[in-house]
PDB file of all heavy atoms in Angstrom:
ATOM      1  N   LEU A   1      95.756 109.639  97.569  1.00  0.00           N
ATOM      2  CA  LEU A   1      95.946 110.461  96.374  1.00  0.00           C
ATOM      3  C   LEU A   1      96.496 109.624  95.257  1.00  0.00           C
ATOM      4  O   LEU A   1      97.390 108.761  95.472  1.00  0.00           O
ATOM      5  CB  LEU A   1      96.957 111.588  96.673  1.00  0.00           C
ATOM      6  CG  LEU A   1      96.634 112.493  97.879  1.00  0.00           C
ATOM      7  CD1 LEU A   1      97.862 113.320  98.231  1.00  0.00           C
ATOM      8  CD2 LEU A   1      95.419 113.364  97.513  1.00  0.00           C
ATOM      9  N   ARG A   2      95.981 109.763  94.082  1.00  0.00           N
ATOM     10  CA  ARG A   2      96.511 109.045  92.912  1.00  0.00           C
ATOM     11  C   ARG A   2      97.769 109.742  92.466  1.00  0.00           C
ATOM     12  O   ARG A   2      98.018 110.884  92.748  1.00  0.00           O
ATOM     13  CB  ARG A   2      95.499 109.040  91.780  1.00  0.00           C
ATOM     14  CG  ARG A   2      94.263 108.176  92.165  1.00  0.00           C
ATOM     15  CD  ARG A   2      93.302 108.007  91.067  1.00  0.00           C
ATOM     16  NE  ARG A   2      93.954 107.368  89.932  1.00  0.00           N
ATOM     17  CZ  ARG A   2      93.342 106.989  88.844  1.00  0.00           C
ATOM     18  NH1 ARG A   2      92.073 107.247  88.688  1.00  0.00           N
ATOM     19  NH2 ARG A   2      94.003 106.423  87.875  1.00  0.00           N
ATOM     20  N   THR A   3      98.575 108.984  91.734  1.00  0.00           N
ATOM     21  CA  THR A   3      99.900 109.526  91.312  1.00  0.00           C
ATOM     22  C   THR A   3      99.800 110.814  90.517  1.00  0.00           C
ATOM     23  O   THR A   3     100.650 111.697  90.731  1.00  0.00           O
ATOM     24  CB  THR A   3     100.712 108.476  90.572  1.00  0.00           C
ATOM     25  OG1 THR A   3      99.975 107.939  89.506  1.00  0.00           O
ATOM     26  CG2 THR A   3     101.141 107.338  91.502  1.00  0.00           C
ATOM     27  N   PRO A   4      98.816 111.042  89.622  1.00  0.00           N
ATOM     28  CA  PRO A   4      98.765 112.315  88.936  1.00  0.00           C
ATOM     29  C   PRO A   4      98.548 113.496  89.908  1.00  0.00           C
ATOM     30  O   PRO A   4      99.089 114.591  89.664  1.00  0.00           O
ATOM     31  CB  PRO A   4      97.571 112.171  87.960  1.00  0.00           C
ATOM     32  CG  PRO A   4      97.405 110.720  87.771  1.00  0.00           C
ATOM     33  CD  PRO A   4      97.811 110.078  89.079  1.00  0.00           C
ATOM     34  N   ASP A   5      97.759 113.275  90.942  1.00  0.00           N
ATOM     35  CA  ASP A   5      97.520 114.312  91.941  1.00  0.00           C
ATOM     36  C   ASP A   5      98.809 114.619  92.723  1.00  0.00           C
ATOM     37  O   ASP A   5      99.105 115.802  92.974  1.00  0.00           O
ATOM     38  CB  ASP A   5      96.427 113.916  92.941  1.00  0.00           C
ATOM     39  CG  ASP A   5      95.100 113.648  92.252  1.00  0.00           C
ATOM     40  OD1 ASP A   5      94.769 114.382  91.287  1.00  0.00           O
ATOM     41  OD2 ASP A   5      94.419 112.680  92.656  1.00  0.00           O
ATOM     42  N   VAL A   6      99.562 113.583  93.077  1.00  0.00           N
ATOM     43  CA  VAL A   6     100.813 113.779  93.777  1.00  0.00           C
ATOM     44  C   VAL A   6     101.806 114.522  92.863  1.00  0.00           C
ATOM     45  O   VAL A   6     102.468 115.452  93.292  1.00  0.00           O
ATOM     46  CB  VAL A   6     101.389 112.441  94.223  1.00  0.00           C
ATOM     47  CG1 VAL A   6     102.793 112.610  94.853  1.00  0.00           C
ATOM     48  CG2 VAL A   6     100.445 111.741  95.209  1.00  0.00           C
ATOM     49  N   ALA A   7     101.872 114.108  91.629  1.00  0.00           N
ATOM     50  CA  ALA A   7     102.746 114.763  90.682  1.00  0.00           C
ATOM     51  C   ALA A   7     102.437 116.254  90.528  1.00  0.00           C
ATOM     52  O   ALA A   7     103.332 117.075  90.560  1.00  0.00           O
ATOM     53  CB  ALA A   7     102.651 114.106  89.306  1.00  0.00           C
ATOM     54  N   ALA A   8     101.156 116.576  90.453  1.00  0.00           N
ATOM     55  CA  ALA A   8     100.760 117.996  90.346  1.00  0.00           C
ATOM     56  C   ALA A   8     101.157 118.793  91.594  1.00  0.00           C
ATOM     57  O   ALA A   8     101.613 119.912  91.474  1.00  0.00           O
ATOM     58  CB  ALA A   8      99.248 118.110  90.088  1.00  0.00           C
ATOM     59  N   ARG A   9     100.945 118.183  92.746  1.00  0.00           N
ATOM     60  CA  ARG A   9     101.303 118.872  93.990  1.00  0.00           C
ATOM     61  C   ARG A   9     102.784 119.119  94.132  1.00  0.00           C
ATOM     62  O   ARG A   9     103.203 120.072  94.682  1.00  0.00           O
ATOM     63  CB  ARG A   9     100.757 118.112  95.179  1.00  0.00           C
ATOM     64  CG  ARG A   9      99.265 118.165  95.289  1.00  0.00           C
ATOM     65  CD  ARG A   9      98.760 117.389  96.478  1.00  0.00           C
ATOM     66  NE  ARG A   9      97.317 117.327  96.507  1.00  0.00           N
ATOM     67  CZ  ARG A   9      96.585 117.318  97.626  1.00  0.00           C
ATOM     68  NH1 ARG A   9      97.202 117.312  98.762  1.00  0.00           N
ATOM     69  NH2 ARG A   9      95.294 117.284  97.501  1.00  0.00           N
ATOM     70  N   LEU A  10     103.575 118.133  93.624  1.00  0.00           N
ATOM     71  CA  LEU A  10     105.035 118.243  93.741  1.00  0.00           C
ATOM     72  C   LEU A  10     105.650 118.997  92.516  1.00  0.00           C
ATOM     73  O   LEU A  10     106.836 119.340  92.562  1.00  0.00           O
ATOM     74  CB  LEU A  10     105.673 116.875  93.828  1.00  0.00           C
ATOM     75  CG  LEU A  10     105.340 116.099  95.118  1.00  0.00           C
ATOM     76  CD1 LEU A  10     105.959 114.713  95.068  1.00  0.00           C
ATOM     77  CD2 LEU A  10     105.834 116.840  96.338  1.00  0.00           C
ATOM     78  N   GLY A  11     104.855 119.217  91.466  1.00  0.00           N
ATOM     79  CA  GLY A  11     105.381 119.853  90.297  1.00  0.00           C
ATOM     80  C   GLY A  11     106.339 118.993  89.491  1.00  0.00           C
ATOM     81  O   GLY A  11     107.324 119.513  88.917  1.00  0.00           O
ATOM     82  N   ILE A  12     106.088 117.653  89.495  1.00  0.00           N
ATOM     83  CA  ILE A  12     106.915 116.725  88.807  1.00  0.00           C
ATOM     84  C   ILE A  12     106.074 115.842  87.920  1.00  0.00           C
ATOM     85  O   ILE A  12     104.824 115.933  87.974  1.00  0.00           O
ATOM     86  CB  ILE A  12     107.750 115.875  89.774  1.00  0.00           C
ATOM     87  CG1 ILE A  12     106.864 115.059  90.722  1.00  0.00           C
ATOM     88  CG2 ILE A  12     108.729 116.739  90.580  1.00  0.00           C
ATOM     89  CD1 ILE A  12     107.618 114.126  91.656  1.00  0.00           C
ATOM     90  N   SER A  13     106.675 114.996  87.134  1.00  0.00           N
ATOM     91  CA  SER A  13     105.904 114.089  86.271  1.00  0.00           C
ATOM     92  C   SER A  13     105.432 112.864  87.053  1.00  0.00           C
ATOM     93  O   SER A  13     105.938 112.554  88.115  1.00  0.00           O
ATOM     94  CB  SER A  13     106.768 113.622  85.117  1.00  0.00           C
ATOM     95  OG  SER A  13     107.780 112.725  85.561  1.00  0.00           O
ATOM     96  N   GLY A  14     104.436 112.192  86.466  1.00  0.00           N
ATOM     97  CA  GLY A  14     103.959 110.946  87.084  1.00  0.00           C
ATOM     98  C   GLY A  14     105.050 109.905  87.126  1.00  0.00           C
ATOM     99  O   GLY A  14     105.174 109.144  88.108  1.00  0.00           O
ATOM    100  N   ALA A  15     105.910 109.859  86.111  1.00  0.00           N
ATOM    101  CA  ALA A  15     107.026 108.935  86.093  1.00  0.00           C
ATOM    102  C   ALA A  15     107.961 109.189  87.259  1.00  0.00           C
ATOM    103  O   ALA A  15     108.480 108.265  87.884  1.00  0.00           O
ATOM    104  CB  ALA A  15     107.771 108.999  84.797  1.00  0.00           C
ATOM    105  N   GLU A  16     108.189 110.457  87.599  1.00  0.00           N
ATOM    106  CA  GLU A  16     109.026 110.808  88.720  1.00  0.00           C
ATOM    107  C   GLU A  16     108.427 110.370  90.022  1.00  0.00           C
ATOM    108  O   GLU A  16     109.128 109.945  90.968  1.00  0.00           O
ATOM    109  CB  GLU A  16     109.333 112.310  88.698  1.00  0.00           C
ATOM    110  CG  GLU A  16     110.296 112.753  89.791  1.00  0.00           C
ATOM    111  CD  GLU A  16     111.727 112.262  89.606  1.00  0.00           C
ATOM    112  OE1 GLU A  16     112.046 111.668  88.579  1.00  0.00           O
ATOM    113  OE2 GLU A  16     112.519 112.444  90.564  1.00  0.00           O
ATOM    114  N   VAL A  17     107.111 110.460  90.140  1.00  0.00           N
ATOM    115  CA  VAL A  17     106.416 109.983  91.358  1.00  0.00           C
ATOM    116  C   VAL A  17     106.671 108.482  91.513  1.00  0.00           C
ATOM    117  O   VAL A  17     107.025 108.038  92.617  1.00  0.00           O
ATOM    118  CB  VAL A  17     104.877 110.263  91.309  1.00  0.00           C
ATOM    119  CG1 VAL A  17     104.181 109.609  92.495  1.00  0.00           C
ATOM    120  CG2 VAL A  17     104.624 111.763  91.293  1.00  0.00           C
ATOM    121  N   TYR A  18     106.530 107.739  90.461  1.00  0.00           N
ATOM    122  CA  TYR A  18     106.814 106.293  90.487  1.00  0.00           C
ATOM    123  C   TYR A  18     108.268 106.016  90.904  1.00  0.00           C
ATOM    124  O   TYR A  18     108.576 105.115  91.648  1.00  0.00           O
ATOM    125  CB  TYR A  18     106.469 105.618  89.173  1.00  0.00           C
ATOM    126  CG  TYR A  18     105.003 105.360  89.005  1.00  0.00           C
ATOM    127  CD1 TYR A  18     104.254 106.108  88.090  1.00  0.00           C
ATOM    128  CD2 TYR A  18     104.384 104.373  89.746  1.00  0.00           C
ATOM    129  CE1 TYR A  18     102.897 105.904  87.939  1.00  0.00           C
ATOM    130  CE2 TYR A  18     102.986 104.141  89.591  1.00  0.00           C
ATOM    131  CZ  TYR A  18     102.282 104.911  88.689  1.00  0.00           C
ATOM    132  OH  TYR A  18     100.926 104.690  88.547  1.00  0.00           O
ATOM    133  N   ARG A  19     109.212 106.815  90.344  1.00  0.00           N
ATOM    134  CA  ARG A  19     110.594 106.664  90.690  1.00  0.00           C
ATOM    135  C   ARG A  19     110.773 106.882  92.183  1.00  0.00           C
ATOM    136  O   ARG A  19     111.536 106.113  92.833  1.00  0.00           O
ATOM    137  CB  ARG A  19     111.470 107.650  89.902  1.00  0.00           C
ATOM    138  CG  ARG A  19     112.986 107.338  90.103  1.00  0.00           C
ATOM    139  CD  ARG A  19     113.861 108.509  89.759  1.00  0.00           C
ATOM    140  NE  ARG A  19     113.729 109.633  90.683  1.00  0.00           N
ATOM    141  CZ  ARG A  19     114.227 109.704  91.913  1.00  0.00           C
ATOM    142  NH1 ARG A  19     114.828 108.710  92.422  1.00  0.00           N
ATOM    143  NH2 ARG A  19     114.075 110.787  92.609  1.00  0.00           N
ATOM    144  N   LEU A  20     110.150 107.895  92.751  1.00  0.00           N
ATOM    145  CA  LEU A  20     110.256 108.144  94.185  1.00  0.00           C
ATOM    146  C   LEU A  20     109.691 106.993  95.003  1.00  0.00           C
ATOM    147  O   LEU A  20     110.260 106.599  96.050  1.00  0.00           O
ATOM    148  CB  LEU A  20     109.523 109.428  94.580  1.00  0.00           C
ATOM    149  CG  LEU A  20     110.168 110.741  94.042  1.00  0.00           C
ATOM    150  CD1 LEU A  20     109.201 111.914  94.292  1.00  0.00           C
ATOM    151  CD2 LEU A  20     111.488 110.980  94.664  1.00  0.00           C
ATOM    152  N   ILE A  21     108.576 106.439  94.548  1.00  0.00           N
ATOM    153  CA  ILE A  21     107.985 105.286  95.233  1.00  0.00           C
ATOM    154  C   ILE A  21     108.895 104.075  95.163  1.00  0.00           C
ATOM    155  O   ILE A  21     109.173 103.463  96.208  1.00  0.00           O
ATOM    156  CB  ILE A  21     106.595 104.956  94.663  1.00  0.00           C
ATOM    157  CG1 ILE A  21     105.607 106.091  94.974  1.00  0.00           C
ATOM    158  CG2 ILE A  21     106.091 103.619  95.214  1.00  0.00           C
ATOM    159  CD1 ILE A  21     104.302 105.997  94.217  1.00  0.00           C
ATOM    160  N   PHE A  22     109.383 103.759  93.988  1.00  0.00           N
ATOM    161  CA  PHE A  22     110.260 102.585  93.819  1.00  0.00           C
ATOM    162  C   PHE A  22     111.624 102.759  94.577  1.00  0.00           C
ATOM    163  O   PHE A  22     112.186 101.769  94.996  1.00  0.00           O
ATOM    164  CB  PHE A  22     110.494 102.265  92.358  1.00  0.00           C
ATOM    165  CG  PHE A  22     109.258 101.763  91.668  1.00  0.00           C
ATOM    166  CD1 PHE A  22     108.904 102.288  90.431  1.00  0.00           C
ATOM    167  CD2 PHE A  22     108.448 100.807  92.224  1.00  0.00           C
ATOM    168  CE1 PHE A  22     107.771 101.857  89.799  1.00  0.00           C
ATOM    169  CE2 PHE A  22     107.295 100.360  91.602  1.00  0.00           C
ATOM    170  CZ  PHE A  22     106.962 100.881  90.356  1.00  0.00           C
ATOM    171  N   ALA A  23     112.037 104.019  94.728  1.00  0.00           N
ATOM    172  CA  ALA A  23     113.297 104.259  95.449  1.00  0.00           C
ATOM    173  C   ALA A  23     113.090 104.261  96.932  1.00  0.00           C
ATOM    174  O   ALA A  23     114.040 104.391  97.698  1.00  0.00           O
ATOM    175  CB  ALA A  23     113.874 105.605  94.984  1.00  0.00           C
ATOM    176  N   GLY A  24     111.814 104.181  97.377  1.00  0.00           N
ATOM    177  CA  GLY A  24     111.567 104.199  98.823  1.00  0.00           C
ATOM    178  C   GLY A  24     111.559 105.584  99.434  1.00  0.00           C
ATOM    179  O   GLY A  24     111.508 105.730 100.638  1.00  0.00           O
ATOM    180  N   GLU A  25     111.554 106.639  98.595  1.00  0.00           N
ATOM    181  CA  GLU A  25     111.539 107.986  99.111  1.00  0.00           C
ATOM    182  C   GLU A  25     110.141 108.506  99.416  1.00  0.00           C
ATOM    183  O   GLU A  25     109.975 109.485 100.097  1.00  0.00           O
ATOM    184  CB  GLU A  25     112.246 108.936  98.110  1.00  0.00           C
ATOM    185  CG  GLU A  25     113.715 108.569  97.907  1.00  0.00           C
ATOM    186  CD  GLU A  25     114.359 109.490  96.914  1.00  0.00           C
ATOM    187  OE1 GLU A  25     114.126 110.689  96.954  1.00  0.00           O
ATOM    188  OE2 GLU A  25     115.146 108.968  96.097  1.00  0.00           O
ATOM    189  N   LEU A  26     109.169 107.856  98.787  1.00  0.00           N
ATOM    190  CA  LEU A  26     107.760 108.235  98.932  1.00  0.00           C
ATOM    191  C   LEU A  26     106.986 106.958  99.103  1.00  0.00           C
ATOM    192  O   LEU A  26     107.140 106.054  98.286  1.00  0.00           O
ATOM    193  CB  LEU A  26     107.275 109.036  97.730  1.00  0.00           C
ATOM    194  CG  LEU A  26     105.838 109.526  97.709  1.00  0.00           C
ATOM    195  CD1 LEU A  26     105.591 110.526  98.824  1.00  0.00           C
ATOM    196  CD2 LEU A  26     105.515 110.191  96.370  1.00  0.00           C
TER     197      LEU A  26
END
């Protein structure tokens, strides 16, 4: 899944998806 798809599924921004990835949470 691309980050915009993940963001839409989680109801968050794309920037927040990147934050989760960089934090090791996703």
